[in-house]
Amino acid sequence: MTAREHRSNHRVQPFTISTPSYLGRPMRIPLFVAGVLCCVVGVIWILQGINVLPGSFMTGHMKWAVYGAFLLLAGVGLSVAARRPRV
């Protein structure tokens, strides 16, 4: 077999995006738990910020509702990313 024949038999694999190996099953569980915790804390901050949940220095300050909304969105993103099936 010549070098040219050898090269013609070689097929280039297409570029695919897959989950990195460090996001295997053991890492996905803590990511999901962290996402759920972020969601819970985010909801608490929202409720305190809009003065529904009293008893904190955050009660009645709208900036905490905004921070809570961002944390809630981050938590949902983490949870969804952790639950995505591997490709």
N, C-alpha and C. Protein backbone atom coordinates (compact mmCIF):
# COMPACT_ATOMS: atom_id res chain seq x y z
N MET A 1 0.84 -1.17 0.00
CA MET A 1 0.00 0.00 0.00
C MET A 1 0.89 1.24 0.00
N THR A 2 0.61 2.12 -0.92
CA THR A 2 1.41 3.35 -1.01
C THR A 2 0.87 4.38 -0.01
N ALA A 3 1.66 5.43 0.16
CA ALA A 3 1.26 6.49 1.09
C ALA A 3 -0.02 7.17 0.62
N ARG A 4 -0.17 7.32 -0.69
CA ARG A 4 -1.36 7.97 -1.21
C ARG A 4 -2.61 7.12 -0.95
N GLU A 5 -2.52 5.81 -1.13
CA GLU A 5 -3.65 4.93 -0.85
C GLU A 5 -4.00 4.97 0.64
N HIS A 6 -3.00 5.03 1.49
CA HIS A 6 -3.23 5.06 2.93
C HIS A 6 -4.00 6.33 3.32
N ARG A 7 -3.62 7.47 2.72
CA ARG A 7 -4.31 8.72 3.04
C ARG A 7 -5.74 8.72 2.53
N SER A 8 -6.01 8.09 1.41
CA SER A 8 -7.37 8.09 0.87
C SER A 8 -8.30 7.23 1.71
N ASN A 9 -7.78 6.28 2.45
CA ASN A 9 -8.62 5.44 3.30
C ASN A 9 -8.91 6.10 4.66
N HIS A 10 -8.18 7.13 4.98
CA HIS A 10 -8.35 7.80 6.27
C HIS A 10 -9.50 8.81 6.19
N ARG A 11 -10.48 8.65 7.05
CA ARG A 11 -11.61 9.57 7.07
C ARG A 11 -11.49 10.49 8.27
N VAL A 12 -11.74 11.75 8.03
CA VAL A 12 -11.69 12.74 9.10
C VAL A 12 -13.03 12.72 9.83
N GLN A 13 -12.97 12.62 11.15
CA GLN A 13 -14.19 12.62 11.94
C GLN A 13 -14.76 14.04 11.99
N PRO A 14 -16.07 14.18 11.86
CA PRO A 14 -16.66 15.53 11.92
C PRO A 14 -16.54 16.09 13.33
N PHE A 15 -16.47 17.42 13.41
CA PHE A 15 -16.37 18.09 14.70
C PHE A 15 -17.74 18.06 15.37
N THR A 16 -17.80 17.54 16.58
CA THR A 16 -19.04 17.51 17.32
C THR A 16 -18.82 18.14 18.69
N ILE A 17 -19.87 18.75 19.20
CA ILE A 17 -19.82 19.32 20.53
C ILE A 17 -20.45 18.32 21.48
N SER A 18 -19.70 17.93 22.48
CA SER A 18 -20.23 16.99 23.46
C SER A 18 -19.90 17.50 24.85
N THR A 19 -20.51 16.87 25.84
CA THR A 19 -20.27 17.26 27.22
C THR A 19 -18.84 16.90 27.58
N PRO A 20 -18.08 17.84 28.15
CA PRO A 20 -16.71 17.53 28.55
C PRO A 20 -16.68 16.38 29.56
N SER A 21 -15.57 15.67 29.59
CA SER A 21 -15.48 14.51 30.45
C SER A 21 -15.57 14.87 31.92
N TYR A 22 -15.20 16.11 32.29
CA TYR A 22 -15.28 16.48 33.70
C TYR A 22 -16.72 16.75 34.14
N LEU A 23 -17.67 16.76 33.20
CA LEU A 23 -19.08 16.88 33.55
C LEU A 23 -19.77 15.53 33.48
N GLY A 24 -19.06 14.50 33.84
CA GLY A 24 -19.63 13.17 33.86
C GLY A 24 -20.67 13.04 34.95
N ARG A 25 -21.18 11.86 35.13
CA ARG A 25 -22.26 11.63 36.09
C ARG A 25 -21.93 12.12 37.50
N PRO A 26 -20.73 11.88 38.04
CA PRO A 26 -20.46 12.37 39.40
C PRO A 26 -20.51 13.89 39.53
N MET A 27 -20.21 14.63 38.46
CA MET A 27 -20.22 16.09 38.53
C MET A 27 -21.60 16.65 38.26
N ARG A 28 -22.44 15.92 37.57
CA ARG A 28 -23.77 16.42 37.23
C ARG A 28 -24.68 16.50 38.45
N ILE A 29 -24.53 15.60 39.38
CA ILE A 29 -25.38 15.61 40.58
C ILE A 29 -25.11 16.85 41.43
N PRO A 30 -23.83 17.18 41.75
CA PRO A 30 -23.60 18.41 42.51
C PRO A 30 -24.04 19.68 41.76
N LEU A 31 -23.90 19.69 40.44
CA LEU A 31 -24.37 20.84 39.67
C LEU A 31 -25.88 21.00 39.78
N PHE A 32 -26.60 19.90 39.74
CA PHE A 32 -28.05 19.96 39.86
C PHE A 32 -28.46 20.45 41.25
N VAL A 33 -27.79 19.93 42.29
CA VAL A 33 -28.09 20.35 43.66
C VAL A 33 -27.78 21.83 43.84
N ALA A 34 -26.65 22.29 43.30
CA ALA A 34 -26.30 23.71 43.39
C ALA A 34 -27.34 24.57 42.65
N GLY A 35 -27.83 24.09 41.52
CA GLY A 35 -28.85 24.82 40.79
C GLY A 35 -30.15 24.94 41.57
N VAL A 36 -30.56 23.86 42.21
CA VAL A 36 -31.78 23.89 43.02
C VAL A 36 -31.61 24.83 44.21
N LEU A 37 -30.44 24.78 44.86
CA LEU A 37 -30.19 25.69 45.99
C LEU A 37 -30.21 27.14 45.55
N CYS A 38 -29.64 27.43 44.39
CA CYS A 38 -29.68 28.79 43.85
C CYS A 38 -31.12 29.23 43.60
N CYS A 39 -31.94 28.33 43.11
CA CYS A 39 -33.35 28.65 42.87
C CYS A 39 -34.07 28.98 44.18
N VAL A 40 -33.83 28.17 45.20
CA VAL A 40 -34.49 28.39 46.49
C VAL A 40 -34.05 29.73 47.09
N VAL A 41 -32.75 30.00 47.10
CA VAL A 41 -32.25 31.26 47.65
C VAL A 41 -32.75 32.43 46.81
N GLY A 42 -32.80 32.27 45.51
CA GLY A 42 -33.30 33.32 44.64
C GLY A 42 -34.75 33.67 44.93
N VAL A 43 -35.58 32.66 45.14
CA VAL A 43 -36.99 32.91 45.47
C VAL A 43 -37.11 33.61 46.82
N ILE A 44 -36.31 33.20 47.80
CA ILE A 44 -36.33 33.85 49.11
C ILE A 44 -35.93 35.32 48.98
N TRP A 45 -34.89 35.61 48.21
CA TRP A 45 -34.45 36.99 48.02
C TRP A 45 -35.52 37.82 47.31
N ILE A 46 -36.19 37.22 46.33
CA ILE A 46 -37.27 37.93 45.64
C ILE A 46 -38.38 38.28 46.62
N LEU A 47 -38.80 37.30 47.41
CA LEU A 47 -39.89 37.53 48.36
C LEU A 47 -39.50 38.56 49.42
N GLN A 48 -38.26 38.55 49.86
CA GLN A 48 -37.82 39.56 50.82
C GLN A 48 -37.73 40.94 50.16
N GLY A 49 -37.29 40.97 48.93
CA GLY A 49 -37.15 42.24 48.24
C GLY A 49 -38.47 42.93 47.96
N ILE A 50 -39.52 42.15 47.71
CA ILE A 50 -40.84 42.74 47.43
C ILE A 50 -41.69 42.82 48.70
N ASN A 51 -41.07 42.62 49.86
CA ASN A 51 -41.69 42.82 51.17
C ASN A 51 -42.79 41.80 51.48
N VAL A 52 -42.65 40.59 50.98
CA VAL A 52 -43.60 39.52 51.29
C VAL A 52 -43.09 38.69 52.46
N LEU A 53 -41.79 38.50 52.54
CA LEU A 53 -41.17 37.69 53.59
C LEU A 53 -40.38 38.63 54.51
N PRO A 54 -40.95 39.01 55.65
CA PRO A 54 -40.29 39.99 56.52
C PRO A 54 -39.24 39.35 57.42
N GLY A 55 -38.49 40.21 58.11
CA GLY A 55 -37.57 39.74 59.13
C GLY A 55 -36.11 39.78 58.75
N SER A 56 -35.74 40.59 57.80
CA SER A 56 -34.36 40.64 57.36
C SER A 56 -34.01 42.07 56.97
N PHE A 57 -32.72 42.36 56.90
CA PHE A 57 -32.29 43.67 56.42
C PHE A 57 -32.61 43.85 54.94
N MET A 58 -32.91 42.76 54.23
CA MET A 58 -33.22 42.82 52.80
C MET A 58 -34.69 43.15 52.55
N THR A 59 -35.53 43.06 53.59
CA THR A 59 -36.96 43.24 53.42
C THR A 59 -37.29 44.65 52.93
N GLY A 60 -38.02 44.71 51.84
CA GLY A 60 -38.48 45.97 51.30
C GLY A 60 -37.50 46.67 50.38
N HIS A 61 -36.33 46.12 50.15
CA HIS A 61 -35.35 46.73 49.24
C HIS A 61 -35.42 46.02 47.89
N MET A 62 -35.85 46.76 46.89
CA MET A 62 -36.09 46.17 45.57
C MET A 62 -34.84 45.58 44.93
N LYS A 63 -33.66 46.08 45.30
CA LYS A 63 -32.45 45.53 44.68
C LYS A 63 -32.28 44.04 45.01
N TRP A 64 -32.77 43.61 46.18
CA TRP A 64 -32.66 42.20 46.53
C TRP A 64 -33.61 41.34 45.69
N ALA A 65 -34.73 41.91 45.27
CA ALA A 65 -35.61 41.19 44.36
C ALA A 65 -34.94 41.00 43.00
N VAL A 66 -34.21 42.02 42.56
CA VAL A 66 -33.49 41.92 41.28
C VAL A 66 -32.36 40.90 41.39
N TYR A 67 -31.59 40.97 42.50
CA TYR A 67 -30.53 39.98 42.71
C TYR A 67 -31.12 38.57 42.76
N GLY A 68 -32.25 38.43 43.41
CA GLY A 68 -32.90 37.12 43.50
C GLY A 68 -33.34 36.60 42.15
N ALA A 69 -33.83 37.50 41.31
CA ALA A 69 -34.26 37.08 39.96
C ALA A 69 -33.07 36.57 39.15
N PHE A 70 -31.93 37.29 39.25
CA PHE A 70 -30.73 36.82 38.54
C PHE A 70 -30.25 35.47 39.09
N LEU A 71 -30.29 35.32 40.41
CA LEU A 71 -29.86 34.05 41.01
C LEU A 71 -30.81 32.92 40.64
N LEU A 72 -32.09 33.22 40.56
CA LEU A 72 -33.08 32.22 40.15
C LEU A 72 -32.81 31.78 38.71
N LEU A 73 -32.54 32.72 37.83
CA LEU A 73 -32.24 32.37 36.44
C LEU A 73 -30.95 31.54 36.34
N ALA A 74 -29.95 31.90 37.13
CA ALA A 74 -28.70 31.13 37.13
C ALA A 74 -28.95 29.72 37.65
N GLY A 75 -29.77 29.59 38.67
CA GLY A 75 -30.10 28.27 39.22
C GLY A 75 -30.84 27.40 38.22
N VAL A 76 -31.77 28.00 37.51
CA VAL A 76 -32.49 27.24 36.47
C VAL A 76 -31.52 26.80 35.38
N GLY A 77 -30.62 27.70 35.00
CA GLY A 77 -29.63 27.34 33.98
C GLY A 77 -28.72 26.20 34.42
N LEU A 78 -28.27 26.25 35.67
CA LEU A 78 -27.43 25.17 36.19
C LEU A 78 -28.19 23.84 36.22
N SER A 79 -29.42 23.89 36.69
CA SER A 79 -30.22 22.66 36.79
C SER A 79 -30.49 22.05 35.42
N VAL A 80 -30.82 22.91 34.46
CA VAL A 80 -31.09 22.40 33.10
C VAL A 80 -29.81 21.83 32.48
N ALA A 81 -28.69 22.52 32.67
CA ALA A 81 -27.43 22.04 32.12
C ALA A 81 -27.02 20.71 32.76
N ALA A 82 -27.29 20.56 34.04
CA ALA A 82 -26.92 19.31 34.72
C ALA A 82 -27.81 18.15 34.30
N ARG A 83 -29.05 18.42 33.94
CA ARG A 83 -29.99 17.37 33.58
C ARG A 83 -29.95 17.02 32.10
N ARG A 84 -29.23 17.81 31.29
CA ARG A 84 -29.14 17.52 29.87
C ARG A 84 -28.46 16.19 29.62
N PRO A 85 -29.02 15.38 28.75
CA PRO A 85 -28.37 14.09 28.47
C PRO A 85 -27.04 14.29 27.73
N ARG A 86 -26.12 13.40 27.98
CA ARG A 86 -24.82 13.47 27.29
C ARG A 86 -24.99 13.09 25.84
N VAL A 87 -24.23 13.74 25.01
CA VAL A 87 -24.31 13.47 23.56
C VAL A 87 -23.18 12.55 23.16
